[in-house]
Amino acid sequence: MGWLECCARCLIGAPFASLVATGLCFFGVALFCGCGHEALTGTERLIETYFSKNYQDYEYLIDVIHAFQYVIYGTASFFFLYGALLLAEGFYTTGAVRQIFGDYKTTICGKGLSATVTGGQKGRGSRGHHQAHSLERVCQCLGKWLGHPDKFVGITYALTIVWLLVFACSAVPVYIYFNTWSTCQSIAFPTKTSASIGTLCADARMYGVLPWNAFPGKVCGSNLLSICKTPEFQMTFHLFIAAFVGAAATLVSLLTYMIAATYNFAVLKLMGRGTKF
């Protein structure tokens, strides 16, 4: 078998769904963590500059923001490792499934995975195939390490549910900033509303960002419009939107992982080989 033919056959066993999901996961997590971190920092500046002059009013908010930022660091690290692990699992289970259907069994890694799935190979003792045997042993060791797709499916299901909550929570700051921006638009174009400009306000206390005894806690009229025109507000608003998009991309990648892993695991179970990993 030529080198090009071997590479072409190896590409047959590539889990394209897992590859796309991994790229989408890394992109989404990077967007969510990076933009979310900076958006939280921008929110802290806006609160302490315009909505409260007393540090005691927003001291707890700053602690929460810093805690979320540390969680973001851990989330980025976890998803980088877990995404790489799921990609390796995708290679393993896809290779095993395609070996069952005959598309992958002629490659070196296909034979190595087949040995792990079926329990071993016979009749391969020639000295000329020493390099092939070494690669097969690597694939077999990898197969034993990744040989529990049911666990990966269960963990991915649980992680998808958790991330669904994260996705929902990431929509909250977008909603708050959108409401503030809409109020500013009403102030900028007073003909669109019948309310007095002085009564149009953004109240941080209403969303639980500040306690009710915070002063001033809200900004109204032309002062609010001037805040909306600042680069800090515009940047923070768009960063939260980008973080929301990143959370959505990560959720789609987890759903793709889940569907692909469930399909491969179901095929292996139905073929009677899922229990031999």
C-alpha atoms as a PDB file:
ATOM      1  CA  MET A   1       0.000   0.000   0.000  1.00  0.00           C
ATOM      2  CA  GLY A   2       1.393   3.395  -1.007  1.00  0.00           C
ATOM      3  CA  TRP A   3       1.795   6.297   1.370  1.00  0.00           C
ATOM      4  CA  LEU A   4      -0.924   8.381  -0.302  1.00  0.00           C
ATOM      5  CA  GLU A   5      -3.326   5.454  -0.309  1.00  0.00           C
ATOM      6  CA  CYS A   6      -2.644   4.827   3.368  1.00  0.00           C
ATOM      7  CA  CYS A   7      -3.330   8.495   4.200  1.00  0.00           C
ATOM      8  CA  ALA A   8      -6.511   8.421   2.156  1.00  0.00           C
ATOM      9  CA  ARG A   9      -7.726   5.343   3.997  1.00  0.00           C
ATOM     10  CA  CYS A  10      -6.859   6.923   7.342  1.00  0.00           C
ATOM     11  CA  LEU A  11      -8.939   9.950   6.402  1.00  0.00           C
ATOM     12  CA  ILE A  12     -11.873   7.588   5.937  1.00  0.00           C
ATOM     13  CA  GLY A  13     -11.769   6.936   9.664  1.00  0.00           C
ATOM     14  CA  ALA A  14     -11.658  10.623  10.628  1.00  0.00           C
ATOM     15  CA  PRO A  15     -14.647  11.706  12.752  1.00  0.00           C
ATOM     16  CA  PHE A  16     -15.604  14.806  10.800  1.00  0.00           C
ATOM     17  CA  ALA A  17     -18.527  15.585  13.105  1.00  0.00           C
ATOM     18  CA  SER A  18     -16.196  15.520  16.111  1.00  0.00           C
ATOM     19  CA  LEU A  19     -13.630  17.647  14.278  1.00  0.00           C
ATOM     20  CA  VAL A  20     -16.228  20.302  13.491  1.00  0.00           C
ATOM     21  CA  ALA A  21     -17.594  20.124  17.035  1.00  0.00           C
ATOM     22  CA  THR A  22     -14.102  20.493  18.523  1.00  0.00           C
ATOM     23  CA  GLY A  23     -13.332  23.553  16.431  1.00  0.00           C
ATOM     24  CA  LEU A  24     -16.696  25.063  17.299  1.00  0.00           C
ATOM     25  CA  CYS A  25     -16.191  24.238  20.984  1.00  0.00           C
ATOM     26  CA  PHE A  26     -12.755  25.881  21.148  1.00  0.00           C
ATOM     27  CA  PHE A  27     -14.027  28.922  19.255  1.00  0.00           C
ATOM     28  CA  GLY A  28     -17.146  29.250  21.413  1.00  0.00           C
ATOM     29  CA  VAL A  29     -15.348  28.799  24.734  1.00  0.00           C
ATOM     30  CA  ALA A  30     -12.606  31.258  23.741  1.00  0.00           C
ATOM     31  CA  LEU A  31     -15.230  33.815  22.710  1.00  0.00           C
ATOM     32  CA  PHE A  32     -17.325  33.260  25.824  1.00  0.00           C
ATOM     33  CA  CYS A  33     -14.439  33.325  28.289  1.00  0.00           C
ATOM     34  CA  GLY A  34     -12.447  36.156  26.715  1.00  0.00           C
ATOM     35  CA  CYS A  35     -15.355  38.493  25.995  1.00  0.00           C
ATOM     36  CA  GLY A  36     -17.160  37.578  29.214  1.00  0.00           C
ATOM     37  CA  HIS A  37     -14.105  38.382  31.312  1.00  0.00           C
ATOM     38  CA  GLU A  38     -13.644  41.811  29.745  1.00  0.00           C
ATOM     39  CA  ALA A  39     -17.386  42.557  29.815  1.00  0.00           C
ATOM     40  CA  LEU A  40     -17.477  41.898  33.571  1.00  0.00           C
ATOM     41  CA  THR A  41     -14.540  44.256  34.033  1.00  0.00           C
ATOM     42  CA  GLY A  42     -16.341  46.933  32.002  1.00  0.00           C
ATOM     43  CA  THR A  43     -19.504  46.471  34.073  1.00  0.00           C
ATOM     44  CA  GLU A  44     -17.516  46.999  37.250  1.00  0.00           C
ATOM     45  CA  ARG A  45     -16.156  50.297  35.898  1.00  0.00           C
ATOM     46  CA  LEU A  46     -19.594  51.525  34.816  1.00  0.00           C
ATOM     47  CA  ILE A  47     -21.163  50.740  38.192  1.00  0.00           C
ATOM     48  CA  GLU A  48     -18.498  52.425  40.270  1.00  0.00           C
ATOM     49  CA  THR A  49     -18.308  55.454  37.956  1.00  0.00           C
ATOM     50  CA  TYR A  50     -21.958  56.268  37.321  1.00  0.00           C
ATOM     51  CA  PHE A  51     -24.328  54.314  39.554  1.00  0.00           C
ATOM     52  CA  SER A  52     -22.856  54.443  43.033  1.00  0.00           C
ATOM     53  CA  LYS A  53     -20.375  56.635  44.880  1.00  0.00           C
ATOM     54  CA  ASN A  54     -20.212  54.460  47.984  1.00  0.00           C
ATOM     55  CA  TYR A  55     -17.863  51.464  47.769  1.00  0.00           C
ATOM     56  CA  GLN A  56     -19.957  49.562  50.317  1.00  0.00           C
ATOM     57  CA  ASP A  57     -22.868  49.539  47.868  1.00  0.00           C
ATOM     58  CA  TYR A  58     -21.051  47.561  45.190  1.00  0.00           C
ATOM     59  CA  GLU A  59     -18.440  45.730  47.267  1.00  0.00           C
ATOM     60  CA  TYR A  60     -20.414  42.481  47.084  1.00  0.00           C
ATOM     61  CA  LEU A  61     -20.909  42.926  43.321  1.00  0.00           C
ATOM     62  CA  ILE A  62     -17.152  43.250  42.812  1.00  0.00           C
ATOM     63  CA  ASP A  63     -16.570  40.055  44.791  1.00  0.00           C
ATOM     64  CA  VAL A  64     -19.119  38.247  42.608  1.00  0.00           C
ATOM     65  CA  ILE A  65     -17.520  39.597  39.428  1.00  0.00           C
ATOM     66  CA  HIS A  66     -14.065  38.456  40.522  1.00  0.00           C
ATOM     67  CA  ALA A  67     -15.455  35.032  41.440  1.00  0.00           C
ATOM     68  CA  PHE A  68     -17.026  34.706  37.992  1.00  0.00           C
ATOM     69  CA  GLN A  69     -13.742  35.685  36.382  1.00  0.00           C
ATOM     70  CA  TYR A  70     -11.928  32.912  38.253  1.00  0.00           C
ATOM     71  CA  VAL A  71     -14.650  30.494  37.132  1.00  0.00           C
ATOM     72  CA  ILE A  72     -14.013  31.640  33.567  1.00  0.00           C
ATOM     73  CA  TYR A  73     -10.322  30.702  33.906  1.00  0.00           C
ATOM     74  CA  GLY A  74     -11.291  27.217  35.076  1.00  0.00           C
ATOM     75  CA  THR A  75     -13.936  26.855  32.359  1.00  0.00           C
ATOM     76  CA  ALA A  76     -11.443  27.664  29.619  1.00  0.00           C
ATOM     77  CA  SER A  77      -8.921  25.124  30.931  1.00  0.00           C
ATOM     78  CA  PHE A  78     -11.545  22.416  31.438  1.00  0.00           C
ATOM     79  CA  PHE A  79     -13.077  22.732  27.981  1.00  0.00           C
ATOM     80  CA  PHE A  80      -9.670  22.728  26.298  1.00  0.00           C
ATOM     81  CA  LEU A  81      -8.818  19.393  27.919  1.00  0.00           C
ATOM     82  CA  TYR A  82     -12.296  17.895  27.619  1.00  0.00           C
ATOM     83  CA  GLY A  83     -12.624  18.965  23.988  1.00  0.00           C
ATOM     84  CA  ALA A  84      -9.329  17.268  23.118  1.00  0.00           C
ATOM     85  CA  LEU A  85     -10.452  14.158  25.006  1.00  0.00           C
ATOM     86  CA  LEU A  86     -13.791  14.054  23.196  1.00  0.00           C
ATOM     87  CA  LEU A  87     -12.003  14.447  19.864  1.00  0.00           C
ATOM     88  CA  ALA A  88      -9.800  11.458  20.700  1.00  0.00           C
ATOM     89  CA  GLU A  89     -12.895   9.510  21.733  1.00  0.00           C
ATOM     90  CA  GLY A  90     -14.508  10.476  18.421  1.00  0.00           C
ATOM     91  CA  PHE A  91     -11.517   9.078  16.518  1.00  0.00           C
ATOM     92  CA  TYR A  92     -11.692   5.895  18.549  1.00  0.00           C
ATOM     93  CA  THR A  93     -15.407   5.154  18.285  1.00  0.00           C
ATOM     94  CA  THR A  94     -15.679   6.287  14.660  1.00  0.00           C
ATOM     95  CA  GLY A  95     -12.754   4.070  13.747  1.00  0.00           C
ATOM     96  CA  ALA A  96     -14.355   1.130  15.541  1.00  0.00           C
ATOM     97  CA  VAL A  97     -17.712   1.697  13.834  1.00  0.00           C
ATOM     98  CA  ARG A  98     -16.195   1.978  10.376  1.00  0.00           C
ATOM     99  CA  GLN A  99     -14.055  -1.067  11.048  1.00  0.00           C
ATOM    100  CA  ILE A 100     -17.295  -2.958  11.654  1.00  0.00           C
ATOM    101  CA  PHE A 101     -18.649  -1.874   8.286  1.00  0.00           C
ATOM    102  CA  GLY A 102     -15.382  -2.578   6.493  1.00  0.00           C
ATOM    103  CA  ASP A 103     -14.294   0.956   5.527  1.00  0.00           C
ATOM    104  CA  TYR A 104     -11.494   1.249   8.047  1.00  0.00           C
ATOM    105  CA  LYS A 105     -10.150  -2.222   8.729  1.00  0.00           C
ATOM    106  CA  THR A 106      -7.334  -2.077   6.202  1.00  0.00           C
ATOM    107  CA  THR A 107      -5.470   0.765   7.895  1.00  0.00           C
ATOM    108  CA  ILE A 108      -2.888   0.284  10.609  1.00  0.00           C
ATOM    109  CA  CYS A 109      -4.884   2.190  13.216  1.00  0.00           C
ATOM    110  CA  GLY A 110      -8.015   0.428  12.061  1.00  0.00           C
ATOM    111  CA  LYS A 111      -6.380  -2.919  12.785  1.00  0.00           C
ATOM    112  CA  GLY A 112      -5.099  -1.654  16.124  1.00  0.00           C
ATOM    113  CA  LEU A 113      -8.539  -0.482  17.138  1.00  0.00           C
ATOM    114  CA  SER A 114     -10.027  -3.693  15.856  1.00  0.00           C
ATOM    115  CA  ALA A 115      -7.681  -5.623  18.112  1.00  0.00           C
ATOM    116  CA  THR A 116      -8.883  -3.607  21.079  1.00  0.00           C
ATOM    117  CA  VAL A 117     -12.534  -4.041  20.166  1.00  0.00           C
ATOM    118  CA  THR A 118     -12.440  -7.728  19.287  1.00  0.00           C
ATOM    119  CA  GLY A 119      -9.806  -8.866  21.747  1.00  0.00           C
ATOM    120  CA  GLY A 120      -6.690  -9.269  19.633  1.00  0.00           C
ATOM    121  CA  GLN A 121      -5.196 -10.230  16.272  1.00  0.00           C
ATOM    122  CA  LYS A 122      -3.511 -13.408  15.152  1.00  0.00           C
ATOM    123  CA  GLY A 123      -0.830 -14.304  12.678  1.00  0.00           C
ATOM    124  CA  ARG A 124       1.181 -11.066  12.733  1.00  0.00           C
ATOM    125  CA  GLY A 125       4.688 -11.997  13.811  1.00  0.00           C
ATOM    126  CA  SER A 126       6.974 -11.136  10.882  1.00  0.00           C
ATOM    127  CA  ARG A 127       9.958  -8.913  11.515  1.00  0.00           C
ATOM    128  CA  GLY A 128       9.156  -6.728   8.514  1.00  0.00           C
ATOM    129  CA  HIS A 129       6.012  -5.490  10.152  1.00  0.00           C
ATOM    130  CA  HIS A 130       7.683  -4.335  13.374  1.00  0.00           C
ATOM    131  CA  GLN A 131       6.889  -0.645  12.758  1.00  0.00           C
ATOM    132  CA  ALA A 132       3.262  -1.458  11.954  1.00  0.00           C
ATOM    133  CA  HIS A 133       3.008  -3.519  15.149  1.00  0.00           C
ATOM    134  CA  SER A 134       4.408  -0.610  17.185  1.00  0.00           C
ATOM    135  CA  LEU A 135       1.758   1.758  15.835  1.00  0.00           C
ATOM    136  CA  GLU A 136      -0.930  -0.848  16.442  1.00  0.00           C
ATOM    137  CA  ARG A 137       0.193  -1.195  20.061  1.00  0.00           C
ATOM    138  CA  VAL A 138      -0.079   2.594  20.463  1.00  0.00           C
ATOM    139  CA  CYS A 139      -3.607   2.466  19.038  1.00  0.00           C
ATOM    140  CA  GLN A 140      -4.480  -0.431  21.344  1.00  0.00           C
ATOM    141  CA  CYS A 141      -3.229   1.468  24.403  1.00  0.00           C
ATOM    142  CA  LEU A 142      -5.221   4.505  23.322  1.00  0.00           C
ATOM    143  CA  GLY A 143      -8.224   2.268  22.790  1.00  0.00           C
ATOM    144  CA  LYS A 144      -8.014   0.836  26.306  1.00  0.00           C
ATOM    145  CA  TRP A 145      -7.810   4.369  27.712  1.00  0.00           C
ATOM    146  CA  LEU A 146     -10.783   5.597  25.680  1.00  0.00           C
ATOM    147  CA  GLY A 147     -12.640   2.310  25.736  1.00  0.00           C
ATOM    148  CA  HIS A 148     -15.651   3.478  27.727  1.00  0.00           C
ATOM    149  CA  PRO A 149     -17.799   5.522  25.329  1.00  0.00           C
ATOM    150  CA  ASP A 150     -20.845   5.080  27.555  1.00  0.00           C
ATOM    151  CA  LYS A 151     -19.132   7.151  30.259  1.00  0.00           C
ATOM    152  CA  PHE A 152     -18.256   9.885  27.791  1.00  0.00           C
ATOM    153  CA  VAL A 153     -21.841   9.972  26.534  1.00  0.00           C
ATOM    154  CA  GLY A 154     -23.160  10.308  30.097  1.00  0.00           C
ATOM    155  CA  ILE A 155     -20.674  13.037  31.025  1.00  0.00           C
ATOM    156  CA  THR A 156     -21.434  14.943  27.817  1.00  0.00           C
ATOM    157  CA  TYR A 157     -25.177  14.739  28.489  1.00  0.00           C
ATOM    158  CA  ALA A 158     -24.688  16.169  31.994  1.00  0.00           C
ATOM    159  CA  LEU A 159     -22.292  18.842  30.718  1.00  0.00           C
ATOM    160  CA  THR A 160     -24.772  19.862  28.017  1.00  0.00           C
ATOM    161  CA  ILE A 161     -27.493  20.395  30.618  1.00  0.00           C
ATOM    162  CA  VAL A 162     -25.135  22.465  32.787  1.00  0.00           C
ATOM    163  CA  TRP A 163     -24.027  24.535  29.802  1.00  0.00           C
ATOM    164  CA  LEU A 164     -27.657  25.104  28.837  1.00  0.00           C
ATOM    165  CA  LEU A 165     -28.023  26.912  32.163  1.00  0.00           C
ATOM    166  CA  VAL A 166     -24.841  28.889  31.464  1.00  0.00           C
ATOM    167  CA  PHE A 167     -26.238  29.829  28.060  1.00  0.00           C
ATOM    168  CA  ALA A 168     -29.468  31.042  29.674  1.00  0.00           C
ATOM    169  CA  CYS A 169     -27.558  33.045  32.299  1.00  0.00           C
ATOM    170  CA  SER A 170     -25.382  34.680  29.627  1.00  0.00           C
ATOM    171  CA  ALA A 171     -28.547  36.154  28.120  1.00  0.00           C
ATOM    172  CA  VAL A 172     -29.327  38.102  31.320  1.00  0.00           C
ATOM    173  CA  PRO A 173     -26.649  40.836  30.969  1.00  0.00           C
ATOM    174  CA  VAL A 174     -27.495  41.146  27.264  1.00  0.00           C
ATOM    175  CA  TYR A 175     -31.118  41.749  28.253  1.00  0.00           C
ATOM    176  CA  ILE A 176     -30.135  44.375  30.867  1.00  0.00           C
ATOM    177  CA  TYR A 177     -27.842  46.262  28.514  1.00  0.00           C
ATOM    178  CA  PHE A 178     -30.380  46.055  25.687  1.00  0.00           C
ATOM    179  CA  ASN A 179     -33.051  47.582  27.921  1.00  0.00           C
ATOM    180  CA  THR A 180     -30.651  50.374  28.873  1.00  0.00           C
ATOM    181  CA  TRP A 181     -29.758  50.973  25.240  1.00  0.00           C
ATOM    182  CA  SER A 182     -33.455  51.044  24.281  1.00  0.00           C
ATOM    183  CA  THR A 183     -34.086  53.642  26.983  1.00  0.00           C
ATOM    184  CA  CYS A 184     -31.254  55.737  25.588  1.00  0.00           C
ATOM    185  CA  GLN A 185     -32.785  55.501  22.127  1.00  0.00           C
ATOM    186  CA  SER A 186     -36.073  56.794  23.530  1.00  0.00           C
ATOM    187  CA  ILE A 187     -34.216  59.728  25.110  1.00  0.00           C
ATOM    188  CA  ALA A 188     -32.311  60.466  21.913  1.00  0.00           C
ATOM    189  CA  PHE A 189     -35.523  60.396  19.855  1.00  0.00           C
ATOM    190  CA  PRO A 190     -38.226  61.769  22.190  1.00  0.00           C
ATOM    191  CA  THR A 191     -40.843  61.710  19.429  1.00  0.00           C
ATOM    192  CA  LYS A 192     -40.950  57.911  19.721  1.00  0.00           C
ATOM    193  CA  THR A 193     -42.281  57.996  23.283  1.00  0.00           C
ATOM    194  CA  SER A 194     -44.915  59.959  25.152  1.00  0.00           C
ATOM    195  CA  ALA A 195     -43.012  59.843  28.459  1.00  0.00           C
ATOM    196  CA  SER A 196     -40.995  62.753  29.757  1.00  0.00           C
ATOM    197  CA  ILE A 197     -37.254  62.466  29.156  1.00  0.00           C
ATOM    198  CA  GLY A 198     -36.537  63.068  32.835  1.00  0.00           C
ATOM    199  CA  THR A 199     -38.567  59.995  33.816  1.00  0.00           C
ATOM    200  CA  LEU A 200     -36.661  57.641  31.525  1.00  0.00           C
ATOM    201  CA  CYS A 201     -34.074  55.934  33.719  1.00  0.00           C
ATOM    202  CA  ALA A 202     -31.788  52.935  34.014  1.00  0.00           C
ATOM    203  CA  ASP A 203     -32.030  51.579  37.558  1.00  0.00           C
ATOM    204  CA  ALA A 204     -29.304  49.094  38.485  1.00  0.00           C
ATOM    205  CA  ARG A 205     -31.142  48.296  41.724  1.00  0.00           C
ATOM    206  CA  MET A 206     -34.121  46.946  39.789  1.00  0.00           C
ATOM    207  CA  TYR A 207     -31.984  44.085  38.402  1.00  0.00           C
ATOM    208  CA  GLY A 208     -30.407  43.238  41.749  1.00  0.00           C
ATOM    209  CA  VAL A 209     -27.025  44.596  40.675  1.00  0.00           C
ATOM    210  CA  LEU A 210     -27.039  47.074  43.581  1.00  0.00           C
ATOM    211  CA  PRO A 211     -28.931  47.053  46.898  1.00  0.00           C
ATOM    212  CA  TRP A 212     -32.039  49.223  47.169  1.00  0.00           C
ATOM    213  CA  ASN A 213     -30.324  51.640  49.553  1.00  0.00           C
ATOM    214  CA  ALA A 214     -27.560  52.386  47.016  1.00  0.00           C
ATOM    215  CA  PHE A 215     -27.282  56.042  45.987  1.00  0.00           C
ATOM    216  CA  PRO A 216     -27.978  57.184  43.385  1.00  0.00           C
ATOM    217  CA  GLY A 217     -28.522  53.660  42.011  1.00  0.00           C
ATOM    218  CA  LYS A 218     -30.098  54.973  38.842  1.00  0.00           C
ATOM    219  CA  VAL A 219     -29.334  57.446  36.061  1.00  0.00           C
ATOM    220  CA  CYS A 220     -32.002  59.318  34.137  1.00  0.00           C
ATOM    221  CA  GLY A 221     -32.526  61.599  31.167  1.00  0.00           C
ATOM    222  CA  SER A 222     -29.630  63.267  29.425  1.00  0.00           C
ATOM    223  CA  ASN A 223     -27.145  61.834  31.936  1.00  0.00           C
ATOM    224  CA  LEU A 224     -28.130  58.322  30.892  1.00  0.00           C
ATOM    225  CA  LEU A 225     -27.838  59.271  27.235  1.00  0.00           C
ATOM    226  CA  SER A 226     -24.302  60.523  27.809  1.00  0.00           C
ATOM    227  CA  ILE A 227     -23.405  57.190  29.457  1.00  0.00           C
ATOM    228  CA  CYS A 228     -24.767  55.240  26.487  1.00  0.00           C
ATOM    229  CA  LYS A 229     -22.538  57.269  24.166  1.00  0.00           C
ATOM    230  CA  THR A 230     -19.361  56.415  26.074  1.00  0.00           C
ATOM    231  CA  PRO A 231     -16.958  53.852  24.556  1.00  0.00           C
ATOM    232  CA  GLU A 232     -17.061  51.848  27.818  1.00  0.00           C
ATOM    233  CA  PHE A 233     -20.801  51.228  27.552  1.00  0.00           C
ATOM    234  CA  GLN A 234     -20.716  50.420  23.841  1.00  0.00           C
ATOM    235  CA  MET A 235     -17.772  48.052  24.222  1.00  0.00           C
ATOM    236  CA  THR A 236     -19.229  46.275  27.257  1.00  0.00           C
ATOM    237  CA  PHE A 237     -22.586  45.824  25.531  1.00  0.00           C
ATOM    238  CA  HIS A 238     -20.989  44.287  22.443  1.00  0.00           C
ATOM    239  CA  LEU A 239     -18.686  42.104  24.537  1.00  0.00           C
ATOM    240  CA  PHE A 240     -21.681  40.615  26.334  1.00  0.00           C
ATOM    241  CA  ILE A 241     -23.325  39.924  22.969  1.00  0.00           C
ATOM    242  CA  ALA A 242     -20.137  38.196  21.775  1.00  0.00           C
ATOM    243  CA  ALA A 243     -20.002  36.139  24.991  1.00  0.00           C
ATOM    244  CA  PHE A 244     -23.624  35.104  24.420  1.00  0.00           C
ATOM    245  CA  VAL A 245     -22.793  34.015  20.871  1.00  0.00           C
ATOM    246  CA  GLY A 246     -19.811  32.069  22.213  1.00  0.00           C
ATOM    247  CA  ALA A 247     -22.025  30.289  24.736  1.00  0.00           C
ATOM    248  CA  ALA A 248     -24.443  29.394  21.917  1.00  0.00           C
ATOM    249  CA  ALA A 249     -21.599  28.031  19.759  1.00  0.00           C
ATOM    250  CA  THR A 250     -20.345  25.917  22.662  1.00  0.00           C
ATOM    251  CA  LEU A 251     -23.840  24.554  23.242  1.00  0.00           C
ATOM    252  CA  VAL A 252     -24.141  23.571  19.564  1.00  0.00           C
ATOM    253  CA  SER A 253     -20.750  21.841  19.729  1.00  0.00           C
ATOM    254  CA  LEU A 254     -21.791  19.855  22.812  1.00  0.00           C
ATOM    255  CA  LEU A 255     -25.018  18.794  21.105  1.00  0.00           C
ATOM    256  CA  THR A 256     -22.993  17.685  18.067  1.00  0.00           C
ATOM    257  CA  TYR A 257     -20.630  15.724  20.308  1.00  0.00           C
ATOM    258  CA  MET A 258     -23.573  14.159  22.063  1.00  0.00           C
ATOM    259  CA  ILE A 259     -25.343  13.083  18.867  1.00  0.00           C
ATOM    260  CA  ALA A 260     -22.172  11.680  17.294  1.00  0.00           C
ATOM    261  CA  ALA A 261     -21.101   9.841  20.460  1.00  0.00           C
ATOM    262  CA  THR A 262     -24.599   8.448  21.013  1.00  0.00           C
ATOM    263  CA  TYR A 263     -24.770   7.172  17.436  1.00  0.00           C
ATOM    264  CA  ASN A 264     -21.351   5.489  17.585  1.00  0.00           C
ATOM    265  CA  PHE A 265     -22.036   3.948  20.976  1.00  0.00           C
ATOM    266  CA  ALA A 266     -25.445   2.670  19.841  1.00  0.00           C
ATOM    267  CA  VAL A 267     -23.936   1.063  16.733  1.00  0.00           C
ATOM    268  CA  LEU A 268     -21.230  -0.642  18.783  1.00  0.00           C
ATOM    269  CA  LYS A 269     -23.822  -1.911  21.243  1.00  0.00           C
ATOM    270  CA  LEU A 270     -26.121  -3.178  18.513  1.00  0.00           C
ATOM    271  CA  MET A 271     -23.248  -4.978  16.820  1.00  0.00           C
ATOM    272  CA  GLY A 272     -22.451  -6.672  20.118  1.00  0.00           C
ATOM    273  CA  ARG A 273     -19.058  -5.041  20.519  1.00  0.00           C
ATOM    274  CA  GLY A 274     -19.730  -2.187  22.891  1.00  0.00           C
ATOM    275  CA  THR A 275     -19.299  -4.503  25.872  1.00  0.00           C
ATOM    276  CA  LYS A 276     -15.832  -5.619  24.774  1.00  0.00           C
ATOM    277  CA  PHE A 277     -14.069  -2.279  25.074  1.00  0.00           C
END
